[in-house]
Amino acid sequence: MICTWKDLHLEGTMDDDAAELPEPRPINVHQQNPDYANGIWAVVDFDTSKYEGKAEKINITVPRKLLSKIDAYVSNHPGETRSGFMTRAALQVIRGKAA
């Protein structure tokens, strides 16, 4: 396996199962940090899912009408799944981006 600088940085950040991935922030927040003064900036987009741990299968109960709405959304968004939708929705609530 080839390790990149991104892997090494995130593996160092994620030293135990309780660690969370750092929240993405606008670049101007970092640019205003004196620790990074005179730095060279680049924006890098990559999949962080491999740092979130192994997926576990669970059994949940969801009201029928809500499940129908989730299924309608998923069917209209290619590549989307129930699990992916519900995982992202949960993360938004946990991170305080949704009520």
PDB file of N, CA and C in Angstrom:
ATOM      1  N   MET A   1       0.847  -1.183   0.000  1.00  0.00           N
ATOM      2  CA  MET A   1       0.000   0.000   0.000  1.00  0.00           C
ATOM      3  C   MET A   1       0.887   1.238   0.000  1.00  0.00           C
ATOM      4  N   ILE A   2       0.541   2.195  -0.826  1.00  0.00           N
ATOM      5  CA  ILE A   2       1.277   3.449  -0.895  1.00  0.00           C
ATOM      6  C   ILE A   2       0.603   4.449   0.036  1.00  0.00           C
ATOM      7  N   CYS A   3       1.375   5.045   0.934  1.00  0.00           N
ATOM      8  CA  CYS A   3       0.855   6.068   1.841  1.00  0.00           C
ATOM      9  C   CYS A   3       1.164   7.443   1.272  1.00  0.00           C
ATOM     10  N   THR A   4       0.211   8.322   1.353  1.00  0.00           N
ATOM     11  CA  THR A   4       0.410   9.702   0.921  1.00  0.00           C
ATOM     12  C   THR A   4       0.543  10.579   2.150  1.00  0.00           C
ATOM     13  N   TRP A   5       0.904  11.832   1.943  1.00  0.00           N
ATOM     14  CA  TRP A   5       0.996  12.773   3.063  1.00  0.00           C
ATOM     15  C   TRP A   5      -0.356  12.932   3.746  1.00  0.00           C
ATOM     16  N   LYS A   6      -1.442  12.820   2.977  1.00  0.00           N
ATOM     17  CA  LYS A   6      -2.783  12.937   3.572  1.00  0.00           C
ATOM     18  C   LYS A   6      -3.023  11.791   4.542  1.00  0.00           C
ATOM     19  N   ASP A   7      -2.648  10.572   4.117  1.00  0.00           N
ATOM     20  CA  ASP A   7      -2.821   9.408   4.985  1.00  0.00           C
ATOM     21  C   ASP A   7      -2.013   9.558   6.263  1.00  0.00           C
ATOM     22  N   LEU A   8      -0.760   9.939   6.108  1.00  0.00           N
ATOM     23  CA  LEU A   8       0.105  10.070   7.281  1.00  0.00           C
ATOM     24  C   LEU A   8      -0.406  11.135   8.239  1.00  0.00           C
ATOM     25  N   HIS A   9      -0.873  12.255   7.706  1.00  0.00           N
ATOM     26  CA  HIS A   9      -1.391  13.322   8.568  1.00  0.00           C
ATOM     27  C   HIS A   9      -2.638  12.857   9.315  1.00  0.00           C
ATOM     28  N   LEU A  10      -3.595  12.286   8.602  1.00  0.00           N
ATOM     29  CA  LEU A  10      -4.842  11.877   9.247  1.00  0.00           C
ATOM     30  C   LEU A  10      -4.644  10.694  10.180  1.00  0.00           C
ATOM     31  N   GLU A  11      -3.759   9.760   9.837  1.00  0.00           N
ATOM     32  CA  GLU A  11      -3.498   8.646  10.744  1.00  0.00           C
ATOM     33  C   GLU A  11      -2.887   9.156  12.044  1.00  0.00           C
ATOM     34  N   GLY A  12      -2.039  10.176  11.958  1.00  0.00           N
ATOM     35  CA  GLY A  12      -1.470  10.776  13.160  1.00  0.00           C
ATOM     36  C   GLY A  12      -2.513  11.511  13.970  1.00  0.00           C
ATOM     37  N   THR A  13      -3.466  12.118  13.295  1.00  0.00           N
ATOM     38  CA  THR A  13      -4.547  12.842  13.970  1.00  0.00           C
ATOM     39  C   THR A  13      -5.529  11.875  14.613  1.00  0.00           C
ATOM     40  N   MET A  14      -5.735  10.741  13.974  1.00  0.00           N
ATOM     41  CA  MET A  14      -6.728   9.761  14.400  1.00  0.00           C
ATOM     42  C   MET A  14      -6.058   8.637  15.178  1.00  0.00           C
ATOM     43  N   ASP A  15      -5.410   8.946  16.290  1.00  0.00           N
ATOM     44  CA  ASP A  15      -4.611   7.951  17.000  1.00  0.00           C
ATOM     45  C   ASP A  15      -5.419   6.951  17.807  1.00  0.00           C
ATOM     46  N   ASP A  16      -6.708   7.186  18.008  1.00  0.00           N
ATOM     47  CA  ASP A  16      -7.536   6.189  18.698  1.00  0.00           C
ATOM     48  C   ASP A  16      -8.946   6.236  18.151  1.00  0.00           C
ATOM     49  N   ASP A  17      -9.755   5.253  18.538  1.00  0.00           N
ATOM     50  CA  ASP A  17     -11.116   5.158  18.000  1.00  0.00           C
ATOM     51  C   ASP A  17     -12.008   6.325  18.411  1.00  0.00           C
ATOM     52  N   ALA A  18     -11.668   7.016  19.499  1.00  0.00           N
ATOM     53  CA  ALA A  18     -12.491   8.129  19.969  1.00  0.00           C
ATOM     54  C   ALA A  18     -12.195   9.416  19.216  1.00  0.00           C
ATOM     55  N   ALA A  19     -11.092   9.470  18.494  1.00  0.00           N
ATOM     56  CA  ALA A  19     -10.709  10.692  17.786  1.00  0.00           C
ATOM     57  C   ALA A  19     -11.678  10.965  16.644  1.00  0.00           C
ATOM     58  N   GLU A  20     -11.932  12.234  16.415  1.00  0.00           N
ATOM     59  CA  GLU A  20     -12.812  12.656  15.326  1.00  0.00           C
ATOM     60  C   GLU A  20     -11.983  13.318  14.237  1.00  0.00           C
ATOM     61  N   LEU A  21     -12.427  13.193  13.003  1.00  0.00           N
ATOM     62  CA  LEU A  21     -11.783  13.923  11.921  1.00  0.00           C
ATOM     63  C   LEU A  21     -11.959  15.417  12.174  1.00  0.00           C
ATOM     64  N   PRO A  22     -10.949  16.207  11.878  1.00  0.00           N
ATOM     65  CA  PRO A  22     -11.117  17.649  12.045  1.00  0.00           C
ATOM     66  C   PRO A  22     -12.219  18.168  11.126  1.00  0.00           C
ATOM     67  N   GLU A  23     -12.982  19.126  11.625  1.00  0.00           N
ATOM     68  CA  GLU A  23     -14.035  19.733  10.813  1.00  0.00           C
ATOM     69  C   GLU A  23     -13.412  20.587   9.719  1.00  0.00           C
ATOM     70  N   PRO A  24     -13.902  20.462   8.496  1.00  0.00           N
ATOM     71  CA  PRO A  24     -13.416  21.358   7.446  1.00  0.00           C
ATOM     72  C   PRO A  24     -13.827  22.792   7.762  1.00  0.00           C
ATOM     73  N   ARG A  25     -12.926  23.710   7.508  1.00  0.00           N
ATOM     74  CA  ARG A  25     -13.206  25.130   7.724  1.00  0.00           C
ATOM     75  C   ARG A  25     -12.780  25.907   6.494  1.00  0.00           C
ATOM     76  N   PRO A  26     -13.356  27.081   6.294  1.00  0.00           N
ATOM     77  CA  PRO A  26     -12.950  27.895   5.140  1.00  0.00           C
ATOM     78  C   PRO A  26     -11.458  28.211   5.208  1.00  0.00           C
ATOM     79  N   ILE A  27     -10.828  28.300   4.054  1.00  0.00           N
ATOM     80  CA  ILE A  27      -9.391  28.527   4.001  1.00  0.00           C
ATOM     81  C   ILE A  27      -8.986  29.833   4.679  1.00  0.00           C
ATOM     82  N   ASN A  28      -9.866  30.860   4.640  1.00  0.00           N
ATOM     83  CA  ASN A  28      -9.493  32.134   5.261  1.00  0.00           C
ATOM     84  C   ASN A  28      -9.324  32.013   6.775  1.00  0.00           C
ATOM     85  N   VAL A  29      -9.966  31.038   7.393  1.00  0.00           N
ATOM     86  CA  VAL A  29      -9.778  30.800   8.832  1.00  0.00           C
ATOM     87  C   VAL A  29      -8.327  30.383   9.084  1.00  0.00           C
ATOM     88  N   HIS A  30      -7.806  29.508   8.243  1.00  0.00           N
ATOM     89  CA  HIS A  30      -6.426  29.042   8.379  1.00  0.00           C
ATOM     90  C   HIS A  30      -5.429  30.141   8.000  1.00  0.00           C
ATOM     91  N   GLN A  31      -5.764  30.910   6.977  1.00  0.00           N
ATOM     92  CA  GLN A  31      -4.867  31.971   6.526  1.00  0.00           C
ATOM     93  C   GLN A  31      -4.689  33.053   7.591  1.00  0.00           C
ATOM     94  N   GLN A  32      -5.703  33.235   8.431  1.00  0.00           N
ATOM     95  CA  GLN A  32      -5.616  34.241   9.489  1.00  0.00           C
ATOM     96  C   GLN A  32      -4.861  33.742  10.717  1.00  0.00           C
ATOM     97  N   ASN A  33      -4.539  32.464  10.766  1.00  0.00           N
ATOM     98  CA  ASN A  33      -3.807  31.883  11.881  1.00  0.00           C
ATOM     99  C   ASN A  33      -2.328  32.250  11.747  1.00  0.00           C
ATOM    100  N   PRO A  34      -1.751  32.947  12.746  1.00  0.00           N
ATOM    101  CA  PRO A  34      -0.348  33.366  12.641  1.00  0.00           C
ATOM    102  C   PRO A  34       0.631  32.192  12.521  1.00  0.00           C
ATOM    103  N   ASP A  35       0.245  31.000  12.984  1.00  0.00           N
ATOM    104  CA  ASP A  35       1.116  29.830  12.840  1.00  0.00           C
ATOM    105  C   ASP A  35       1.349  29.465  11.375  1.00  0.00           C
ATOM    106  N   TYR A  36       0.435  29.888  10.508  1.00  0.00           N
ATOM    107  CA  TYR A  36       0.532  29.538   9.099  1.00  0.00           C
ATOM    108  C   TYR A  36       0.880  30.745   8.228  1.00  0.00           C
ATOM    109  N   ALA A  37       1.393  31.807   8.832  1.00  0.00           N
ATOM    110  CA  ALA A  37       1.733  33.022   8.085  1.00  0.00           C
ATOM    111  C   ALA A  37       2.738  32.704   6.990  1.00  0.00           C
ATOM    112  N   ASN A  38       2.569  33.326   5.863  1.00  0.00           N
ATOM    113  CA  ASN A  38       3.467  33.186   4.706  1.00  0.00           C
ATOM    114  C   ASN A  38       3.486  31.774   4.122  1.00  0.00           C
ATOM    115  N   GLY A  39       2.447  31.016   4.391  1.00  0.00           N
ATOM    116  CA  GLY A  39       2.372  29.671   3.840  1.00  0.00           C
ATOM    117  C   GLY A  39       1.937  29.680   2.384  1.00  0.00           C
ATOM    118  N   ILE A  40       2.126  28.568   1.732  1.00  0.00           N
ATOM    119  CA  ILE A  40       1.625  28.374   0.375  1.00  0.00           C
ATOM    120  C   ILE A  40       0.377  27.526   0.500  1.00  0.00           C
ATOM    121  N   TRP A  41      -0.712  27.975  -0.103  1.00  0.00           N
ATOM    122  CA  TRP A  41      -2.009  27.344   0.102  1.00  0.00           C
ATOM    123  C   TRP A  41      -2.456  26.564  -1.123  1.00  0.00           C
ATOM    124  N   ALA A  42      -3.100  25.449  -0.856  1.00  0.00           N
ATOM    125  CA  ALA A  42      -3.727  24.640  -1.898  1.00  0.00           C
ATOM    126  C   ALA A  42      -4.952  23.972  -1.279  1.00  0.00           C
ATOM    127  N   VAL A  43      -5.957  23.757  -2.066  1.00  0.00           N
ATOM    128  CA  VAL A  43      -7.153  23.069  -1.609  1.00  0.00           C
ATOM    129  C   VAL A  43      -7.112  21.658  -2.175  1.00  0.00           C
ATOM    130  N   VAL A  44      -7.247  20.672  -1.290  1.00  0.00           N
ATOM    131  CA  VAL A  44      -7.164  19.273  -1.693  1.00  0.00           C
ATOM    132  C   VAL A  44      -8.449  18.579  -1.266  1.00  0.00           C
ATOM    133  N   ASP A  45      -9.093  17.920  -2.191  1.00  0.00           N
ATOM    134  CA  ASP A  45     -10.329  17.196  -1.906  1.00  0.00           C
ATOM    135  C   ASP A  45     -10.037  15.702  -1.972  1.00  0.00           C
ATOM    136  N   PHE A  46     -10.404  14.963  -0.925  1.00  0.00           N
ATOM    137  CA  PHE A  46     -10.219  13.524  -0.956  1.00  0.00           C
ATOM    138  C   PHE A  46     -11.219  12.846  -0.033  1.00  0.00           C
ATOM    139  N   ASP A  47     -11.433  11.562  -0.287  1.00  0.00           N
ATOM    140  CA  ASP A  47     -12.408  10.760   0.456  1.00  0.00           C
ATOM    141  C   ASP A  47     -11.839  10.396   1.825  1.00  0.00           C
ATOM    142  N   THR A  48     -12.531  10.798   2.887  1.00  0.00           N
ATOM    143  CA  THR A  48     -12.063  10.519   4.247  1.00  0.00           C
ATOM    144  C   THR A  48     -12.754   9.307   4.863  1.00  0.00           C
ATOM    145  N   SER A  49     -13.582   8.603   4.102  1.00  0.00           N
ATOM    146  CA  SER A  49     -14.390   7.523   4.678  1.00  0.00           C
ATOM    147  C   SER A  49     -13.547   6.401   5.287  1.00  0.00           C
ATOM    148  N   LYS A  50     -12.344   6.168   4.763  1.00  0.00           N
ATOM    149  CA  LYS A  50     -11.534   5.079   5.316  1.00  0.00           C
ATOM    150  C   LYS A  50     -11.025   5.395   6.716  1.00  0.00           C
ATOM    151  N   TYR A  51     -11.136   6.631   7.156  1.00  0.00           N
ATOM    152  CA  TYR A  51     -10.700   7.020   8.496  1.00  0.00           C
ATOM    153  C   TYR A  51     -11.848   6.997   9.509  1.00  0.00           C
ATOM    154  N   GLU A  52     -13.031   6.670   9.051  1.00  0.00           N
ATOM    155  CA  GLU A  52     -14.208   6.700   9.915  1.00  0.00           C
ATOM    156  C   GLU A  52     -14.503   5.352  10.571  1.00  0.00           C
ATOM    157  N   GLY A  53     -13.690   4.359  10.307  1.00  0.00           N
ATOM    158  CA  GLY A  53     -13.890   3.049  10.917  1.00  0.00           C
ATOM    159  C   GLY A  53     -14.748   2.148  10.051  1.00  0.00           C
ATOM    160  N   LYS A  54     -14.761   0.888  10.429  1.00  0.00           N
ATOM    161  CA  LYS A  54     -15.509  -0.127   9.702  1.00  0.00           C
ATOM    162  C   LYS A  54     -17.009   0.094   9.873  1.00  0.00           C
ATOM    163  N   ALA A  55     -17.754  -0.092   8.799  1.00  0.00           N
ATOM    164  CA  ALA A  55     -19.207   0.028   8.852  1.00  0.00           C
ATOM    165  C   ALA A  55     -19.793  -1.156   9.615  1.00  0.00           C
ATOM    166  N   GLU A  56     -20.846  -0.894  10.358  1.00  0.00           N
ATOM    167  CA  GLU A  56     -21.550  -1.951  11.081  1.00  0.00           C
ATOM    168  C   GLU A  56     -23.004  -1.973  10.648  1.00  0.00           C
ATOM    169  N   LYS A  57     -23.518  -3.169  10.460  1.00  0.00           N
ATOM    170  CA  LYS A  57     -24.915  -3.335  10.073  1.00  0.00           C
ATOM    171  C   LYS A  57     -25.773  -3.266  11.331  1.00  0.00           C
ATOM    172  N   ILE A  58     -26.842  -2.457  11.264  1.00  0.00           N
ATOM    173  CA  ILE A  58     -27.756  -2.320  12.399  1.00  0.00           C
ATOM    174  C   ILE A  58     -29.192  -2.493  11.923  1.00  0.00           C
ATOM    175  N   ASN A  59     -30.078  -2.704  12.862  1.00  0.00           N
ATOM    176  CA  ASN A  59     -31.500  -2.820  12.572  1.00  0.00           C
ATOM    177  C   ASN A  59     -32.188  -1.673  13.295  1.00  0.00           C
ATOM    178  N   ILE A  60     -32.871  -0.807  12.549  1.00  0.00           N
ATOM    179  CA  ILE A  60     -33.559   0.330  13.169  1.00  0.00           C
ATOM    180  C   ILE A  60     -35.034   0.331  12.769  1.00  0.00           C
ATOM    181  N   THR A  61     -35.811   1.051  13.535  1.00  0.00           N
ATOM    182  CA  THR A  61     -37.233   1.211  13.246  1.00  0.00           C
ATOM    183  C   THR A  61     -37.462   2.656  12.806  1.00  0.00           C
ATOM    184  N   VAL A  62     -38.107   2.811  11.647  1.00  0.00           N
ATOM    185  CA  VAL A  62     -38.358   4.131  11.072  1.00  0.00           C
ATOM    186  C   VAL A  62     -39.828   4.193  10.682  1.00  0.00           C
ATOM    187  N   PRO A  63     -40.509   5.296  10.983  1.00  0.00           N
ATOM    188  CA  PRO A  63     -41.902   5.414  10.551  1.00  0.00           C
ATOM    189  C   PRO A  63     -42.024   5.229   9.028  1.00  0.00           C
ATOM    190  N   ARG A  64     -43.065   4.533   8.620  1.00  0.00           N
ATOM    191  CA  ARG A  64     -43.261   4.179   7.215  1.00  0.00           C
ATOM    192  C   ARG A  64     -43.244   5.388   6.286  1.00  0.00           C
ATOM    193  N   LYS A  65     -43.932   6.468   6.666  1.00  0.00           N
ATOM    194  CA  LYS A  65     -43.972   7.644   5.789  1.00  0.00           C
ATOM    195  C   LYS A  65     -42.594   8.285   5.642  1.00  0.00           C
ATOM    196  N   LEU A  66     -41.819   8.320   6.726  1.00  0.00           N
ATOM    197  CA  LEU A  66     -40.468   8.865   6.646  1.00  0.00           C
ATOM    198  C   LEU A  66     -39.599   7.989   5.752  1.00  0.00           C
ATOM    199  N   LEU A  67     -39.716   6.681   5.895  1.00  0.00           N
ATOM    200  CA  LEU A  67     -38.945   5.778   5.058  1.00  0.00           C
ATOM    201  C   LEU A  67     -39.301   5.956   3.580  1.00  0.00           C
ATOM    202  N   SER A  68     -40.566   6.181   3.305  1.00  0.00           N
ATOM    203  CA  SER A  68     -40.991   6.427   1.919  1.00  0.00           C
ATOM    204  C   SER A  68     -40.346   7.696   1.373  1.00  0.00           C
ATOM    205  N   LYS A  69     -40.254   8.731   2.202  1.00  0.00           N
ATOM    206  CA  LYS A  69     -39.613   9.979   1.773  1.00  0.00           C
ATOM    207  C   LYS A  69     -38.116   9.771   1.546  1.00  0.00           C
ATOM    208  N   ILE A  70     -37.480   9.012   2.423  1.00  0.00           N
ATOM    209  CA  ILE A  70     -36.055   8.705   2.252  1.00  0.00           C
ATOM    210  C   ILE A  70     -35.852   7.924   0.956  1.00  0.00           C
ATOM    211  N   ASP A  71     -36.679   6.919   0.730  1.00  0.00           N
ATOM    212  CA  ASP A  71     -36.564   6.117  -0.494  1.00  0.00           C
ATOM    213  C   ASP A  71     -36.787   6.954  -1.748  1.00  0.00           C
ATOM    214  N   ALA A  72     -37.737   7.899  -1.691  1.00  0.00           N
ATOM    215  CA  ALA A  72     -37.976   8.770  -2.847  1.00  0.00           C
ATOM    216  C   ALA A  72     -36.741   9.633  -3.118  1.00  0.00           C
ATOM    217  N   TYR A  73     -36.149  10.164  -2.069  1.00  0.00           N
ATOM    218  CA  TYR A  73     -34.945  10.980  -2.220  1.00  0.00           C
ATOM    219  C   TYR A  73     -33.818  10.142  -2.831  1.00  0.00           C
ATOM    220  N   VAL A  74     -33.596   8.960  -2.253  1.00  0.00           N
ATOM    221  CA  VAL A  74     -32.522   8.072  -2.709  1.00  0.00           C
ATOM    222  C   VAL A  74     -32.722   7.684  -4.168  1.00  0.00           C
ATOM    223  N   SER A  75     -33.954   7.399  -4.565  1.00  0.00           N
ATOM    224  CA  SER A  75     -34.203   6.965  -5.944  1.00  0.00           C
ATOM    225  C   SER A  75     -33.969   8.086  -6.951  1.00  0.00           C
ATOM    226  N   ASN A  76     -34.049   9.334  -6.497  1.00  0.00           N
ATOM    227  CA  ASN A  76     -33.827  10.482  -7.386  1.00  0.00           C
ATOM    228  C   ASN A  76     -32.394  10.999  -7.361  1.00  0.00           C
ATOM    229  N   HIS A  77     -31.526  10.347  -6.604  1.00  0.00           N
ATOM    230  CA  HIS A  77     -30.120  10.758  -6.502  1.00  0.00           C
ATOM    231  C   HIS A  77     -29.231   9.541  -6.761  1.00  0.00           C
ATOM    232  N   PRO A  78     -28.789   9.383  -8.019  1.00  0.00           N
ATOM    233  CA  PRO A  78     -27.968   8.213  -8.386  1.00  0.00           C
ATOM    234  C   PRO A  78     -26.756   8.055  -7.463  1.00  0.00           C
ATOM    235  N   GLY A  79     -26.514   6.827  -7.058  1.00  0.00           N
ATOM    236  CA  GLY A  79     -25.387   6.532  -6.183  1.00  0.00           C
ATOM    237  C   GLY A  79     -25.708   6.683  -4.703  1.00  0.00           C
ATOM    238  N   GLU A  80     -26.861   7.240  -4.396  1.00  0.00           N
ATOM    239  CA  GLU A  80     -27.272   7.441  -3.007  1.00  0.00           C
ATOM    240  C   GLU A  80     -27.878   6.154  -2.459  1.00  0.00           C
ATOM    241  N   THR A  81     -27.724   5.941  -1.160  1.00  0.00           N
ATOM    242  CA  THR A  81     -28.318   4.784  -0.489  1.00  0.00           C
ATOM    243  C   THR A  81     -29.035   5.243   0.768  1.00  0.00           C
ATOM    244  N   ARG A  82     -29.899   4.393   1.282  1.00  0.00           N
ATOM    245  CA  ARG A  82     -30.553   4.696   2.564  1.00  0.00           C
ATOM    246  C   ARG A  82     -29.503   4.911   3.647  1.00  0.00           C
ATOM    247  N   SER A  83     -28.561   3.998   3.714  1.00  0.00           N
ATOM    248  CA  SER A  83     -27.531   4.075   4.757  1.00  0.00           C
ATOM    249  C   SER A  83     -26.720   5.357   4.638  1.00  0.00           C
ATOM    250  N   GLY A  84     -26.315   5.689   3.424  1.00  0.00           N
ATOM    251  CA  GLY A  84     -25.536   6.907   3.215  1.00  0.00           C
ATOM    252  C   GLY A  84     -26.320   8.144   3.601  1.00  0.00           C
ATOM    253  N   PHE A  85     -27.582   8.189   3.201  1.00  0.00           N
ATOM    254  CA  PHE A  85     -28.442   9.328   3.530  1.00  0.00           C
ATOM    255  C   PHE A  85     -28.578   9.479   5.045  1.00  0.00           C
ATOM    256  N   MET A  86     -28.889   8.391   5.718  1.00  0.00           N
ATOM    257  CA  MET A  86     -29.118   8.452   7.160  1.00  0.00           C
ATOM    258  C   MET A  86     -27.824   8.754   7.920  1.00  0.00           C
ATOM    259  N   THR A  87     -26.711   8.249   7.431  1.00  0.00           N
ATOM    260  CA  THR A  87     -25.426   8.537   8.069  1.00  0.00           C
ATOM    261  C   THR A  87     -25.102  10.020   7.972  1.00  0.00           C
ATOM    262  N   ARG A  88     -25.266  10.593   6.783  1.00  0.00           N
ATOM    263  CA  ARG A  88     -24.995  12.032   6.622  1.00  0.00           C
ATOM    264  C   ARG A  88     -25.943  12.880   7.454  1.00  0.00           C
ATOM    265  N   ALA A  89     -27.210  12.492   7.513  1.00  0.00           N
ATOM    266  CA  ALA A  89     -28.182  13.234   8.322  1.00  0.00           C
ATOM    267  C   ALA A  89     -27.790  13.199   9.801  1.00  0.00           C
ATOM    268  N   ALA A  90     -27.371  12.032  10.269  1.00  0.00           N
ATOM    269  CA  ALA A  90     -26.937  11.908  11.668  1.00  0.00           C
ATOM    270  C   ALA A  90     -25.713  12.767  11.944  1.00  0.00           C
ATOM    271  N   LEU A  91     -24.750  12.761  11.040  1.00  0.00           N
ATOM    272  CA  LEU A  91     -23.546  13.581  11.225  1.00  0.00           C
ATOM    273  C   LEU A  91     -23.863  15.069  11.257  1.00  0.00           C
ATOM    274  N   GLN A  92     -24.819  15.504  10.429  1.00  0.00           N
ATOM    275  CA  GLN A  92     -25.207  16.914  10.439  1.00  0.00           C
ATOM    276  C   GLN A  92     -25.783  17.306  11.798  1.00  0.00           C
ATOM    277  N   VAL A  93     -26.595  16.455  12.367  1.00  0.00           N
ATOM    278  CA  VAL A  93     -27.170  16.745  13.689  1.00  0.00           C
ATOM    279  C   VAL A  93     -26.079  16.733  14.748  1.00  0.00           C
ATOM    280  N   ILE A  94     -25.216  15.722  14.721  1.00  0.00           N
ATOM    281  CA  ILE A  94     -24.145  15.611  15.714  1.00  0.00           C
ATOM    282  C   ILE A  94     -23.218  16.809  15.648  1.00  0.00           C
ATOM    283  N   ARG A  95     -22.929  17.275  14.440  1.00  0.00           N
ATOM    284  CA  ARG A  95     -22.011  18.407  14.271  1.00  0.00           C
ATOM    285  C   ARG A  95     -22.707  19.755  14.428  1.00  0.00           C
ATOM    286  N   GLY A  96     -24.002  19.731  14.715  1.00  0.00           N
ATOM    287  CA  GLY A  96     -24.729  20.966  14.962  1.00  0.00           C
ATOM    288  C   GLY A  96     -25.120  21.741  13.725  1.00  0.00           C
ATOM    289  N   LYS A  97     -25.148  21.077  12.555  1.00  0.00           N
ATOM    290  CA  LYS A  97     -25.502  21.756  11.314  1.00  0.00           C
ATOM    291  C   LYS A  97     -26.970  21.610  10.986  1.00  0.00           C
ATOM    292  N   ALA A  98     -27.687  20.859  11.774  1.00  0.00           N
ATOM    293  CA  ALA A  98     -29.120  20.659  11.555  1.00  0.00           C
ATOM    294  C   ALA A  98     -29.777  20.498  12.923  1.00  0.00           C
ATOM    295  N   ALA A  99     -31.032  20.775  12.966  1.00  0.00           N
ATOM    296  CA  ALA A  99     -31.744  20.638  14.239  1.00  0.00           C
ATOM    297  C   ALA A  99     -32.651  19.436  14.217  1.00  0.00           C
TER     298      ALA A  99
END
